[in-house]
Amino acid sequence: MPRALPVARGRKFMQVLEGAQRVFLRDGFEGASVDEIAREAGVSKATLYSYFPDKRIMFMEVFRNELAREAADASALIEVDLPVEQVLPFIVQIISAHMVSEFGLRIYRVSVAEAERFPSLAQEYYDAGPTLLRQQLVRYFDRCIQRGELRIPDLELAADQLIELASVRIHDRALLLGPQSVDKEQMRMVSRSAVAMFLACYGSTSNALVEAAE
């Protein structure tokens, strides 16, 4: 992963960063103007430039800051030590809620839109988003296997499958029609179905299905 570019830090650094975050997630890199970022942050352009010499460096710093926040949230997935049938609904709900949240949708759109302009950041998004989530799930599944609760021949594949099950119907709908198009009942239905399908395949009482997949 490329090193973060050095930026000056001072009393109004976070104020500038938060203003830039709102503008970039709303307008993308191309649509965001330095004047608008300065207005949103409540600082002068001179103050803004004292922290970030150009818009590209500012965008990269904002993006990396958001990825670090996502990584911290993902780490909570493996900390709960309860039976898998109790924890899995919680995990699926976290994944689903992020996928249809305003923040989750905006950073996804910006990541895809700017992947060609910022290929290194696209790689960082993949590493800090999908890859990190997969790693967290693999660690959790491995603990469940050690306790005899799951039987999974391919941990990474199972992690990807759970993520996809958590996004069925709701992610594309929220992405194209807005998060308000997904209601609580749809979220509950997707969560229940995802957990039921996953445990039917990989639960310790479904060994025949797992052996058939092998």
N, C-alpha and C. Protein backbone atom coordinates (compact mmCIF):
# COMPACT_ATOMS: atom_id res chain seq x y z
N MET A 1 0.84 -1.19 0.00
CA MET A 1 0.00 0.00 0.00
C MET A 1 0.87 1.24 0.00
N PRO A 2 0.60 2.23 -0.90
CA PRO A 2 1.42 3.42 -0.95
C PRO A 2 1.34 4.20 0.35
N ARG A 3 2.43 4.87 0.71
CA ARG A 3 2.41 5.68 1.91
C ARG A 3 1.56 6.92 1.72
N ALA A 4 0.90 7.33 2.79
CA ALA A 4 0.13 8.57 2.72
C ALA A 4 1.08 9.74 2.49
N LEU A 5 0.61 10.69 1.68
CA LEU A 5 1.43 11.86 1.41
C LEU A 5 1.53 12.73 2.66
N PRO A 6 2.70 13.33 2.91
CA PRO A 6 2.84 14.19 4.08
C PRO A 6 2.01 15.45 3.92
N VAL A 7 1.24 15.78 4.95
CA VAL A 7 0.46 17.01 4.92
C VAL A 7 0.69 17.73 6.24
N ALA A 8 0.60 19.06 6.18
CA ALA A 8 0.77 19.86 7.38
C ALA A 8 -0.45 19.70 8.27
N ARG A 9 -0.23 19.69 9.57
CA ARG A 9 -1.34 19.57 10.52
C ARG A 9 -1.29 20.74 11.49
N GLY A 10 -2.45 21.27 11.76
CA GLY A 10 -2.53 22.40 12.67
C GLY A 10 -3.91 22.47 13.30
N ARG A 11 -4.22 23.62 13.89
CA ARG A 11 -5.44 23.77 14.69
C ARG A 11 -6.71 23.50 13.89
N LYS A 12 -6.73 23.88 12.60
CA LYS A 12 -7.94 23.73 11.80
C LYS A 12 -7.86 22.57 10.81
N PHE A 13 -6.89 21.70 11.00
CA PHE A 13 -6.70 20.60 10.05
C PHE A 13 -7.95 19.72 9.94
N MET A 14 -8.49 19.26 11.07
CA MET A 14 -9.66 18.39 11.03
C MET A 14 -10.89 19.12 10.51
N GLN A 15 -10.98 20.41 10.78
CA GLN A 15 -12.09 21.21 10.26
C GLN A 15 -12.06 21.23 8.74
N VAL A 16 -10.86 21.42 8.18
CA VAL A 16 -10.70 21.40 6.73
C VAL A 16 -10.99 20.01 6.18
N LEU A 17 -10.47 18.97 6.84
CA LEU A 17 -10.65 17.60 6.37
C LEU A 17 -12.13 17.21 6.36
N GLU A 18 -12.86 17.58 7.39
CA GLU A 18 -14.27 17.24 7.46
C GLU A 18 -15.08 17.99 6.40
N GLY A 19 -14.73 19.24 6.15
CA GLY A 19 -15.40 19.98 5.09
C GLY A 19 -15.12 19.37 3.73
N ALA A 20 -13.87 19.01 3.50
CA ALA A 20 -13.49 18.37 2.24
C ALA A 20 -14.19 17.03 2.08
N GLN A 21 -14.32 16.28 3.17
CA GLN A 21 -14.99 14.98 3.10
C GLN A 21 -16.43 15.15 2.62
N ARG A 22 -17.14 16.11 3.17
CA ARG A 22 -18.55 16.31 2.78
C ARG A 22 -18.66 16.67 1.30
N VAL A 23 -17.77 17.52 0.83
CA VAL A 23 -17.83 17.95 -0.57
C VAL A 23 -17.41 16.84 -1.52
N PHE A 24 -16.33 16.14 -1.21
CA PHE A 24 -15.86 15.07 -2.10
C PHE A 24 -16.86 13.92 -2.18
N LEU A 25 -17.45 13.53 -1.05
CA LEU A 25 -18.41 12.43 -1.07
C LEU A 25 -19.70 12.84 -1.78
N ARG A 26 -19.98 14.11 -1.79
CA ARG A 26 -21.18 14.60 -2.47
C ARG A 26 -20.96 14.82 -3.96
N ASP A 27 -19.80 15.43 -4.30
CA ASP A 27 -19.57 15.88 -5.68
C ASP A 27 -18.50 15.10 -6.43
N GLY A 28 -17.75 14.20 -5.75
CA GLY A 28 -16.64 13.52 -6.41
C GLY A 28 -15.45 14.46 -6.58
N PHE A 29 -14.37 13.90 -7.12
CA PHE A 29 -13.15 14.70 -7.27
C PHE A 29 -13.33 15.82 -8.29
N GLU A 30 -13.84 15.47 -9.46
CA GLU A 30 -13.95 16.44 -10.54
C GLU A 30 -14.93 17.55 -10.20
N GLY A 31 -16.05 17.19 -9.56
CA GLY A 31 -17.10 18.17 -9.28
C GLY A 31 -16.80 19.06 -8.09
N ALA A 32 -15.86 18.67 -7.25
CA ALA A 32 -15.55 19.45 -6.05
C ALA A 32 -14.62 20.61 -6.39
N SER A 33 -14.99 21.80 -5.96
CA SER A 33 -14.12 22.97 -6.17
C SER A 33 -13.46 23.36 -4.86
N VAL A 34 -12.27 23.93 -4.96
CA VAL A 34 -11.56 24.38 -3.77
C VAL A 34 -12.35 25.47 -3.06
N ASP A 35 -13.00 26.34 -3.83
CA ASP A 35 -13.81 27.40 -3.22
C ASP A 35 -14.93 26.80 -2.38
N GLU A 36 -15.61 25.77 -2.92
CA GLU A 36 -16.71 25.15 -2.20
C GLU A 36 -16.21 24.43 -0.95
N ILE A 37 -15.07 23.78 -1.06
CA ILE A 37 -14.49 23.09 0.11
C ILE A 37 -14.16 24.10 1.21
N ALA A 38 -13.57 25.23 0.82
CA ALA A 38 -13.24 26.27 1.81
C ALA A 38 -14.50 26.79 2.48
N ARG A 39 -15.56 27.00 1.71
CA ARG A 39 -16.83 27.48 2.28
C ARG A 39 -17.41 26.44 3.23
N GLU A 40 -17.40 25.18 2.81
CA GLU A 40 -17.97 24.10 3.62
C GLU A 40 -17.19 23.95 4.93
N ALA A 41 -15.88 24.13 4.86
CA ALA A 41 -15.04 23.98 6.05
C ALA A 41 -15.04 25.24 6.92
N GLY A 42 -15.51 26.35 6.37
CA GLY A 42 -15.53 27.60 7.13
C GLY A 42 -14.15 28.20 7.32
N VAL A 43 -13.29 28.05 6.29
CA VAL A 43 -11.94 28.61 6.37
C VAL A 43 -11.65 29.37 5.08
N SER A 44 -10.59 30.14 5.10
CA SER A 44 -10.16 30.84 3.91
C SER A 44 -9.40 29.88 2.99
N LYS A 45 -9.29 30.25 1.71
CA LYS A 45 -8.51 29.42 0.79
C LYS A 45 -7.05 29.38 1.21
N ALA A 46 -6.58 30.47 1.79
CA ALA A 46 -5.18 30.50 2.24
C ALA A 46 -4.96 29.46 3.34
N THR A 47 -5.93 29.37 4.27
CA THR A 47 -5.82 28.36 5.33
C THR A 47 -5.87 26.96 4.75
N LEU A 48 -6.79 26.75 3.80
CA LEU A 48 -6.92 25.44 3.16
C LEU A 48 -5.61 25.04 2.48
N TYR A 49 -5.02 25.96 1.73
CA TYR A 49 -3.76 25.65 1.01
C TYR A 49 -2.58 25.49 1.96
N SER A 50 -2.69 26.04 3.17
CA SER A 50 -1.60 25.85 4.12
C SER A 50 -1.52 24.40 4.58
N TYR A 51 -2.64 23.68 4.49
CA TYR A 51 -2.66 22.26 4.85
C TYR A 51 -2.49 21.36 3.63
N PHE A 52 -3.12 21.73 2.54
CA PHE A 52 -3.10 20.90 1.34
C PHE A 52 -2.70 21.76 0.14
N PRO A 53 -1.53 21.53 -0.45
CA PRO A 53 -1.08 22.35 -1.56
C PRO A 53 -1.91 22.22 -2.83
N ASP A 54 -2.62 21.10 -2.99
CA ASP A 54 -3.51 20.98 -4.15
C ASP A 54 -4.66 20.03 -3.84
N LYS A 55 -5.67 20.04 -4.71
CA LYS A 55 -6.90 19.29 -4.47
C LYS A 55 -6.66 17.79 -4.49
N ARG A 56 -5.73 17.33 -5.30
CA ARG A 56 -5.45 15.91 -5.40
C ARG A 56 -4.95 15.35 -4.06
N ILE A 57 -4.01 16.05 -3.43
CA ILE A 57 -3.49 15.61 -2.13
C ILE A 57 -4.62 15.63 -1.09
N MET A 58 -5.47 16.64 -1.16
CA MET A 58 -6.58 16.73 -0.22
C MET A 58 -7.53 15.54 -0.38
N PHE A 59 -7.84 15.21 -1.62
CA PHE A 59 -8.73 14.08 -1.89
C PHE A 59 -8.14 12.78 -1.34
N MET A 60 -6.86 12.56 -1.58
CA MET A 60 -6.21 11.33 -1.12
C MET A 60 -6.23 11.24 0.40
N GLU A 61 -6.02 12.36 1.08
CA GLU A 61 -6.02 12.35 2.54
C GLU A 61 -7.43 12.08 3.08
N VAL A 62 -8.43 12.70 2.47
CA VAL A 62 -9.82 12.46 2.88
C VAL A 62 -10.17 10.99 2.68
N PHE A 63 -9.82 10.45 1.54
CA PHE A 63 -10.16 9.07 1.20
C PHE A 63 -9.52 8.11 2.20
N ARG A 64 -8.24 8.32 2.47
CA ARG A 64 -7.54 7.42 3.40
C ARG A 64 -8.12 7.54 4.82
N ASN A 65 -8.54 8.73 5.20
CA ASN A 65 -9.13 8.92 6.51
C ASN A 65 -10.43 8.12 6.64
N GLU A 66 -11.23 8.10 5.56
CA GLU A 66 -12.48 7.35 5.58
C GLU A 66 -12.23 5.86 5.59
N LEU A 67 -11.21 5.40 4.86
CA LEU A 67 -10.88 3.98 4.86
C LEU A 67 -10.43 3.52 6.24
N ALA A 68 -9.66 4.36 6.93
CA ALA A 68 -9.21 4.02 8.28
C ALA A 68 -10.41 3.88 9.22
N ARG A 69 -11.41 4.71 9.04
CA ARG A 69 -12.61 4.63 9.86
C ARG A 69 -13.35 3.32 9.59
N GLU A 70 -13.46 2.92 8.33
CA GLU A 70 -14.12 1.66 7.98
C GLU A 70 -13.37 0.47 8.58
N ALA A 71 -12.04 0.52 8.53
CA ALA A 71 -11.24 -0.58 9.06
C ALA A 71 -11.48 -0.75 10.55
N ALA A 72 -11.61 0.35 11.28
CA ALA A 72 -11.86 0.28 12.71
C ALA A 72 -13.22 -0.32 12.99
N ASP A 73 -14.23 0.03 12.17
CA ASP A 73 -15.57 -0.53 12.35
C ASP A 73 -15.59 -2.03 12.09
N ALA A 74 -14.84 -2.48 11.07
CA ALA A 74 -14.85 -3.89 10.69
C ALA A 74 -14.28 -4.78 11.78
N SER A 75 -13.36 -4.26 12.59
CA SER A 75 -12.69 -5.09 13.59
C SER A 75 -13.66 -5.60 14.65
N ALA A 76 -14.82 -4.95 14.80
CA ALA A 76 -15.80 -5.37 15.81
C ALA A 76 -16.48 -6.68 15.44
N LEU A 77 -16.36 -7.11 14.20
CA LEU A 77 -17.09 -8.28 13.74
C LEU A 77 -16.69 -9.57 14.44
N ILE A 78 -15.45 -9.68 14.88
CA ILE A 78 -14.98 -10.96 15.41
C ILE A 78 -14.86 -10.99 16.91
N GLU A 79 -15.32 -9.97 17.59
CA GLU A 79 -15.08 -9.86 19.03
C GLU A 79 -16.15 -10.55 19.87
N VAL A 80 -17.32 -10.79 19.31
CA VAL A 80 -18.41 -11.36 20.09
C VAL A 80 -18.24 -12.87 20.20
N ASP A 81 -18.27 -13.40 21.42
CA ASP A 81 -18.03 -14.82 21.65
C ASP A 81 -19.32 -15.51 22.09
N LEU A 82 -20.24 -15.69 21.13
CA LEU A 82 -21.51 -16.36 21.36
C LEU A 82 -21.72 -17.39 20.26
N PRO A 83 -22.71 -18.29 20.40
CA PRO A 83 -22.97 -19.27 19.34
C PRO A 83 -23.20 -18.60 17.99
N VAL A 84 -22.75 -19.27 16.94
CA VAL A 84 -22.77 -18.67 15.61
C VAL A 84 -24.17 -18.26 15.17
N GLU A 85 -25.19 -19.04 15.56
CA GLU A 85 -26.55 -18.70 15.13
C GLU A 85 -27.04 -17.41 15.77
N GLN A 86 -26.42 -17.01 16.88
CA GLN A 86 -26.76 -15.73 17.52
C GLN A 86 -25.95 -14.57 16.96
N VAL A 87 -24.71 -14.84 16.58
CA VAL A 87 -23.82 -13.77 16.12
C VAL A 87 -24.01 -13.46 14.64
N LEU A 88 -24.29 -14.50 13.85
CA LEU A 88 -24.36 -14.31 12.40
C LEU A 88 -25.41 -13.27 11.98
N PRO A 89 -26.61 -13.25 12.56
CA PRO A 89 -27.56 -12.20 12.19
C PRO A 89 -27.02 -10.80 12.46
N PHE A 90 -26.29 -10.65 13.56
CA PHE A 90 -25.69 -9.37 13.91
C PHE A 90 -24.67 -8.96 12.84
N ILE A 91 -23.83 -9.91 12.42
CA ILE A 91 -22.81 -9.62 11.40
C ILE A 91 -23.46 -9.23 10.09
N VAL A 92 -24.47 -9.99 9.67
CA VAL A 92 -25.15 -9.70 8.40
C VAL A 92 -25.82 -8.33 8.46
N GLN A 93 -26.42 -7.99 9.58
CA GLN A 93 -27.07 -6.68 9.71
C GLN A 93 -26.07 -5.54 9.60
N ILE A 94 -24.87 -5.73 10.18
CA ILE A 94 -23.83 -4.70 10.08
C ILE A 94 -23.43 -4.50 8.62
N ILE A 95 -23.20 -5.62 7.91
CA ILE A 95 -22.80 -5.54 6.50
C ILE A 95 -23.89 -4.87 5.67
N SER A 96 -25.13 -5.32 5.85
CA SER A 96 -26.24 -4.78 5.07
C SER A 96 -26.45 -3.29 5.35
N ALA A 97 -26.40 -2.93 6.63
CA ALA A 97 -26.63 -1.53 7.00
C ALA A 97 -25.58 -0.62 6.38
N HIS A 98 -24.33 -1.07 6.36
CA HIS A 98 -23.28 -0.25 5.75
C HIS A 98 -23.52 -0.11 4.25
N MET A 99 -23.94 -1.17 3.61
CA MET A 99 -24.11 -1.15 2.16
C MET A 99 -25.21 -0.20 1.70
N VAL A 100 -26.20 0.05 2.54
CA VAL A 100 -27.29 0.94 2.15
C VAL A 100 -27.23 2.28 2.87
N SER A 101 -26.19 2.50 3.67
CA SER A 101 -26.06 3.78 4.37
C SER A 101 -25.63 4.87 3.38
N GLU A 102 -25.96 6.10 3.71
CA GLU A 102 -25.57 7.22 2.85
C GLU A 102 -24.05 7.27 2.70
N PHE A 103 -23.34 7.07 3.82
CA PHE A 103 -21.88 7.09 3.76
C PHE A 103 -21.35 5.94 2.91
N GLY A 104 -21.85 4.73 3.16
CA GLY A 104 -21.37 3.57 2.42
C GLY A 104 -21.59 3.71 0.92
N LEU A 105 -22.74 4.22 0.54
CA LEU A 105 -23.04 4.40 -0.88
C LEU A 105 -22.16 5.48 -1.50
N ARG A 106 -21.94 6.55 -0.77
CA ARG A 106 -21.15 7.66 -1.33
C ARG A 106 -19.69 7.26 -1.54
N ILE A 107 -19.10 6.59 -0.54
CA ILE A 107 -17.70 6.22 -0.71
C ILE A 107 -17.56 5.14 -1.79
N TYR A 108 -18.57 4.29 -1.94
CA TYR A 108 -18.56 3.30 -3.02
C TYR A 108 -18.60 3.99 -4.38
N ARG A 109 -19.51 4.95 -4.52
CA ARG A 109 -19.63 5.68 -5.80
C ARG A 109 -18.33 6.42 -6.14
N VAL A 110 -17.78 7.11 -5.14
CA VAL A 110 -16.54 7.86 -5.38
C VAL A 110 -15.41 6.91 -5.73
N SER A 111 -15.34 5.77 -5.05
CA SER A 111 -14.27 4.80 -5.32
C SER A 111 -14.33 4.30 -6.75
N VAL A 112 -15.53 3.95 -7.21
CA VAL A 112 -15.69 3.46 -8.58
C VAL A 112 -15.43 4.57 -9.59
N ALA A 113 -15.99 5.75 -9.33
CA ALA A 113 -15.86 6.86 -10.28
C ALA A 113 -14.41 7.32 -10.44
N GLU A 114 -13.63 7.26 -9.36
CA GLU A 114 -12.26 7.78 -9.40
C GLU A 114 -11.20 6.69 -9.53
N ALA A 115 -11.62 5.43 -9.78
CA ALA A 115 -10.67 4.32 -9.83
C ALA A 115 -9.62 4.52 -10.92
N GLU A 116 -10.03 5.05 -12.07
CA GLU A 116 -9.08 5.24 -13.17
C GLU A 116 -8.14 6.41 -12.89
N ARG A 117 -8.65 7.46 -12.27
CA ARG A 117 -7.83 8.64 -11.97
C ARG A 117 -6.87 8.37 -10.81
N PHE A 118 -7.34 7.56 -9.83
CA PHE A 118 -6.54 7.25 -8.64
C PHE A 118 -6.46 5.74 -8.46
N PRO A 119 -5.72 5.04 -9.31
CA PRO A 119 -5.67 3.57 -9.21
C PRO A 119 -5.11 3.08 -7.88
N SER A 120 -4.17 3.81 -7.30
CA SER A 120 -3.62 3.37 -6.01
C SER A 120 -4.67 3.46 -4.92
N LEU A 121 -5.54 4.48 -4.99
CA LEU A 121 -6.61 4.60 -4.00
C LEU A 121 -7.67 3.53 -4.21
N ALA A 122 -7.91 3.17 -5.47
CA ALA A 122 -8.85 2.08 -5.74
C ALA A 122 -8.36 0.79 -5.09
N GLN A 123 -7.04 0.56 -5.18
CA GLN A 123 -6.46 -0.62 -4.54
C GLN A 123 -6.60 -0.52 -3.02
N GLU A 124 -6.40 0.67 -2.48
CA GLU A 124 -6.53 0.86 -1.04
C GLU A 124 -7.97 0.63 -0.59
N TYR A 125 -8.93 1.11 -1.40
CA TYR A 125 -10.33 0.88 -1.07
C TYR A 125 -10.63 -0.61 -1.04
N TYR A 126 -10.11 -1.35 -2.03
CA TYR A 126 -10.35 -2.78 -2.09
C TYR A 126 -9.70 -3.48 -0.89
N ASP A 127 -8.49 -3.04 -0.53
CA ASP A 127 -7.78 -3.66 0.59
C ASP A 127 -8.44 -3.34 1.93
N ALA A 128 -8.86 -2.08 2.11
CA ALA A 128 -9.41 -1.65 3.38
C ALA A 128 -10.91 -1.91 3.49
N GLY A 129 -11.55 -2.21 2.35
CA GLY A 129 -12.97 -2.51 2.37
C GLY A 129 -13.25 -3.99 2.20
N PRO A 130 -13.46 -4.46 0.96
CA PRO A 130 -13.78 -5.88 0.76
C PRO A 130 -12.76 -6.86 1.31
N THR A 131 -11.47 -6.57 1.11
CA THR A 131 -10.45 -7.52 1.58
C THR A 131 -10.42 -7.61 3.10
N LEU A 132 -10.46 -6.46 3.77
CA LEU A 132 -10.43 -6.47 5.23
C LEU A 132 -11.66 -7.17 5.80
N LEU A 133 -12.82 -6.90 5.24
CA LEU A 133 -14.03 -7.56 5.71
C LEU A 133 -13.93 -9.07 5.52
N ARG A 134 -13.42 -9.49 4.38
CA ARG A 134 -13.23 -10.92 4.13
C ARG A 134 -12.30 -11.53 5.17
N GLN A 135 -11.21 -10.86 5.48
CA GLN A 135 -10.25 -11.37 6.47
C GLN A 135 -10.88 -11.48 7.85
N GLN A 136 -11.68 -10.48 8.23
CA GLN A 136 -12.36 -10.52 9.52
C GLN A 136 -13.32 -11.70 9.60
N LEU A 137 -14.06 -11.92 8.53
CA LEU A 137 -15.01 -13.04 8.51
C LEU A 137 -14.29 -14.38 8.55
N VAL A 138 -13.19 -14.49 7.81
CA VAL A 138 -12.42 -15.73 7.81
C VAL A 138 -11.94 -16.06 9.22
N ARG A 139 -11.45 -15.06 9.93
CA ARG A 139 -10.99 -15.28 11.31
C ARG A 139 -12.15 -15.73 12.20
N TYR A 140 -13.31 -15.12 12.01
CA TYR A 140 -14.47 -15.51 12.82
C TYR A 140 -14.92 -16.93 12.47
N PHE A 141 -15.00 -17.24 11.18
CA PHE A 141 -15.41 -18.59 10.77
C PHE A 141 -14.46 -19.64 11.30
N ASP A 142 -13.16 -19.33 11.31
CA ASP A 142 -12.18 -20.28 11.79
C ASP A 142 -12.43 -20.60 13.27
N ARG A 143 -12.77 -19.59 14.05
CA ARG A 143 -13.10 -19.83 15.46
C ARG A 143 -14.33 -20.71 15.59
N CYS A 144 -15.32 -20.48 14.73
CA CYS A 144 -16.54 -21.29 14.78
C CYS A 144 -16.25 -22.74 14.39
N ILE A 145 -15.35 -22.93 13.45
CA ILE A 145 -14.96 -24.29 13.05
C ILE A 145 -14.27 -25.00 14.20
N GLN A 146 -13.40 -24.28 14.91
CA GLN A 146 -12.70 -24.88 16.04
C GLN A 146 -13.68 -25.30 17.14
N ARG A 147 -14.81 -24.60 17.25
CA ARG A 147 -15.82 -24.95 18.25
C ARG A 147 -16.80 -25.99 17.73
N GLY A 148 -16.64 -26.41 16.48
CA GLY A 148 -17.53 -27.41 15.91
C GLY A 148 -18.86 -26.88 15.44
N GLU A 149 -18.99 -25.54 15.28
CA GLU A 149 -20.26 -24.95 14.87
C GLU A 149 -20.42 -24.86 13.36
N LEU A 150 -19.32 -24.78 12.64
CA LEU A 150 -19.37 -24.68 11.19
C LEU A 150 -18.43 -25.70 10.56
N ARG A 151 -18.73 -26.07 9.32
CA ARG A 151 -17.82 -26.86 8.50
C ARG A 151 -17.71 -26.15 7.15
N ILE A 152 -16.54 -25.60 6.86
CA ILE A 152 -16.37 -24.78 5.65
C ILE A 152 -15.10 -25.23 4.94
N PRO A 153 -15.21 -25.74 3.71
CA PRO A 153 -14.02 -26.17 2.99
C PRO A 153 -13.17 -25.02 2.45
N ASP A 154 -13.78 -23.88 2.14
CA ASP A 154 -13.07 -22.73 1.58
C ASP A 154 -13.53 -21.49 2.33
N LEU A 155 -12.72 -21.04 3.28
CA LEU A 155 -13.12 -19.94 4.15
C LEU A 155 -13.33 -18.63 3.40
N GLU A 156 -12.41 -18.31 2.49
CA GLU A 156 -12.53 -17.04 1.76
C GLU A 156 -13.77 -17.04 0.86
N LEU A 157 -14.04 -18.16 0.22
CA LEU A 157 -15.24 -18.24 -0.62
C LEU A 157 -16.48 -18.07 0.24
N ALA A 158 -16.52 -18.71 1.39
CA ALA A 158 -17.68 -18.60 2.28
C ALA A 158 -17.87 -17.15 2.74
N ALA A 159 -16.76 -16.46 3.04
CA ALA A 159 -16.85 -15.06 3.45
C ALA A 159 -17.44 -14.20 2.33
N ASP A 160 -16.96 -14.41 1.10
CA ASP A 160 -17.50 -13.66 -0.04
C ASP A 160 -18.97 -13.97 -0.25
N GLN A 161 -19.35 -15.23 -0.06
CA GLN A 161 -20.75 -15.61 -0.24
C GLN A 161 -21.64 -14.92 0.78
N LEU A 162 -21.19 -14.85 2.03
CA LEU A 162 -22.00 -14.19 3.05
C LEU A 162 -22.16 -12.70 2.75
N ILE A 163 -21.09 -12.07 2.29
CA ILE A 163 -21.16 -10.65 1.94
C ILE A 163 -22.17 -10.43 0.81
N GLU A 164 -22.12 -11.30 -0.19
CA GLU A 164 -23.06 -11.17 -1.31
C GLU A 164 -24.49 -11.42 -0.85
N LEU A 165 -24.69 -12.43 0.00
CA LEU A 165 -26.03 -12.70 0.52
C LEU A 165 -26.57 -11.49 1.29
N ALA A 166 -25.70 -10.80 2.01
CA ALA A 166 -26.12 -9.64 2.79
C ALA A 166 -26.49 -8.44 1.92
N SER A 167 -26.06 -8.47 0.66
CA SER A 167 -26.30 -7.33 -0.23
C SER A 167 -27.40 -7.59 -1.26
N VAL A 168 -27.88 -8.83 -1.34
CA VAL A 168 -28.88 -9.18 -2.35
C VAL A 168 -30.07 -8.23 -2.28
N ARG A 169 -30.45 -7.72 -3.43
CA ARG A 169 -31.59 -6.84 -3.63
C ARG A 169 -31.39 -5.44 -3.07
N ILE A 170 -30.89 -5.31 -1.84
CA ILE A 170 -30.90 -4.00 -1.20
C ILE A 170 -29.79 -3.07 -1.68
N HIS A 171 -28.59 -3.63 -2.01
CA HIS A 171 -27.49 -2.74 -2.38
C HIS A 171 -27.76 -2.05 -3.71
N ASP A 172 -28.10 -2.81 -4.74
CA ASP A 172 -28.38 -2.20 -6.04
C ASP A 172 -29.56 -1.24 -5.95
N ARG A 173 -30.56 -1.61 -5.18
CA ARG A 173 -31.74 -0.75 -5.04
C ARG A 173 -31.34 0.59 -4.39
N ALA A 174 -30.57 0.51 -3.30
CA ALA A 174 -30.14 1.73 -2.62
C ALA A 174 -29.20 2.55 -3.49
N LEU A 175 -28.33 1.86 -4.23
CA LEU A 175 -27.36 2.54 -5.07
C LEU A 175 -28.04 3.33 -6.18
N LEU A 176 -29.07 2.76 -6.79
CA LEU A 176 -29.73 3.38 -7.94
C LEU A 176 -30.93 4.23 -7.57
N LEU A 177 -31.64 3.85 -6.52
CA LEU A 177 -32.87 4.56 -6.16
C LEU A 177 -32.75 5.36 -4.87
N GLY A 178 -31.61 5.21 -4.18
CA GLY A 178 -31.40 5.95 -2.93
C GLY A 178 -31.69 5.09 -1.72
N PRO A 179 -31.02 5.38 -0.59
CA PRO A 179 -31.18 4.56 0.61
C PRO A 179 -32.61 4.56 1.15
N GLN A 180 -33.38 5.61 0.85
CA GLN A 180 -34.76 5.67 1.34
C GLN A 180 -35.65 4.62 0.68
N SER A 181 -35.16 4.01 -0.41
CA SER A 181 -35.96 2.99 -1.11
C SER A 181 -35.89 1.62 -0.43
N VAL A 182 -35.03 1.49 0.57
CA VAL A 182 -34.89 0.24 1.31
C VAL A 182 -35.44 0.45 2.71
N ASP A 183 -36.50 -0.31 3.06
CA ASP A 183 -37.09 -0.13 4.39
C ASP A 183 -36.62 -1.24 5.34
N LYS A 184 -37.03 -1.11 6.59
CA LYS A 184 -36.59 -2.04 7.63
C LYS A 184 -37.06 -3.46 7.37
N GLU A 185 -38.25 -3.61 6.83
CA GLU A 185 -38.75 -4.96 6.56
C GLU A 185 -37.93 -5.65 5.49
N GLN A 186 -37.53 -4.92 4.46
CA GLN A 186 -36.66 -5.49 3.43
C GLN A 186 -35.32 -5.91 4.03
N MET A 187 -34.78 -5.08 4.91
CA MET A 187 -33.51 -5.41 5.56
C MET A 187 -33.64 -6.67 6.40
N ARG A 188 -34.74 -6.78 7.17
CA ARG A 188 -34.95 -7.97 8.00
C ARG A 188 -35.10 -9.22 7.15
N MET A 189 -35.81 -9.12 6.04
CA MET A 189 -36.03 -10.27 5.17
C MET A 189 -34.71 -10.74 4.56
N VAL A 190 -33.89 -9.80 4.10
CA VAL A 190 -32.59 -10.15 3.52
C VAL A 190 -31.69 -10.78 4.58
N SER A 191 -31.70 -10.22 5.79
CA SER A 191 -30.86 -10.75 6.87
C SER A 191 -31.27 -12.17 7.24
N ARG A 192 -32.56 -12.40 7.44
CA ARG A 192 -33.03 -13.74 7.80
C ARG A 192 -32.69 -14.77 6.73
N SER A 193 -32.91 -14.39 5.48
CA SER A 193 -32.62 -15.30 4.37
C SER A 193 -31.14 -15.60 4.25
N ALA A 194 -30.30 -14.57 4.41
CA ALA A 194 -28.85 -14.75 4.30
C ALA A 194 -28.34 -15.72 5.36
N VAL A 195 -28.79 -15.53 6.59
CA VAL A 195 -28.35 -16.39 7.70
C VAL A 195 -28.83 -17.82 7.48
N ALA A 196 -30.10 -17.97 7.09
CA ALA A 196 -30.66 -19.31 6.88
C ALA A 196 -29.92 -20.06 5.78
N MET A 197 -29.63 -19.39 4.67
CA MET A 197 -28.93 -20.04 3.55
C MET A 197 -27.50 -20.40 3.94
N PHE A 198 -26.83 -19.50 4.65
CA PHE A 198 -25.44 -19.75 5.03
C PHE A 198 -25.35 -20.95 5.98
N LEU A 199 -26.21 -20.98 6.99
CA LEU A 199 -26.16 -22.07 7.96
C LEU A 199 -26.65 -23.38 7.36
N ALA A 200 -27.56 -23.31 6.38
CA ALA A 200 -28.01 -24.53 5.72
C ALA A 200 -26.87 -25.19 4.96
N CYS A 201 -25.95 -24.37 4.46
CA CYS A 201 -24.81 -24.90 3.71
C CYS A 201 -23.64 -25.26 4.61
N TYR A 202 -23.33 -24.40 5.56
CA TYR A 202 -22.10 -24.55 6.32
C TYR A 202 -22.28 -24.88 7.80
N GLY A 203 -23.52 -24.92 8.27
CA GLY A 203 -23.73 -25.26 9.67
C GLY A 203 -23.33 -26.69 9.96
N SER A 204 -22.96 -26.98 11.20
CA SER A 204 -22.47 -28.32 11.56
C SER A 204 -23.52 -29.39 11.38
N THR A 205 -24.80 -29.01 11.34
CA THR A 205 -25.86 -29.99 11.11
C THR A 205 -26.14 -30.20 9.64
N SER A 206 -25.36 -29.50 8.77
CA SER A 206 -25.57 -29.63 7.32
C SER A 206 -24.34 -30.20 6.65
N ASN A 207 -23.71 -31.18 7.28
CA ASN A 207 -22.46 -31.73 6.77
C ASN A 207 -22.59 -32.34 5.38
N ALA A 208 -23.74 -32.91 5.12
CA ALA A 208 -23.92 -33.56 3.82
C ALA A 208 -23.82 -32.54 2.69
N LEU A 209 -24.39 -31.35 2.92
CA LEU A 209 -24.32 -30.31 1.91
C LEU A 209 -22.89 -29.85 1.70
N VAL A 210 -22.13 -29.71 2.78
CA VAL A 210 -20.74 -29.29 2.67
C VAL A 210 -19.92 -30.33 1.95
N GLU A 211 -20.11 -31.61 2.31
CA GLU A 211 -19.34 -32.67 1.67
C GLU A 211 -19.66 -32.77 0.18
N ALA A 212 -20.94 -32.50 -0.18
CA ALA A 212 -21.31 -32.52 -1.59
C ALA A 212 -20.60 -31.40 -2.34
N ALA A 213 -20.45 -30.22 -1.65
CA ALA A 213 -19.77 -29.08 -2.30
C ALA A 213 -18.30 -29.36 -2.49
N GLU A 214 -17.71 -30.21 -1.60
CA GLU A 214 -16.31 -30.52 -1.71
C GLU A 214 -16.03 -31.41 -2.90
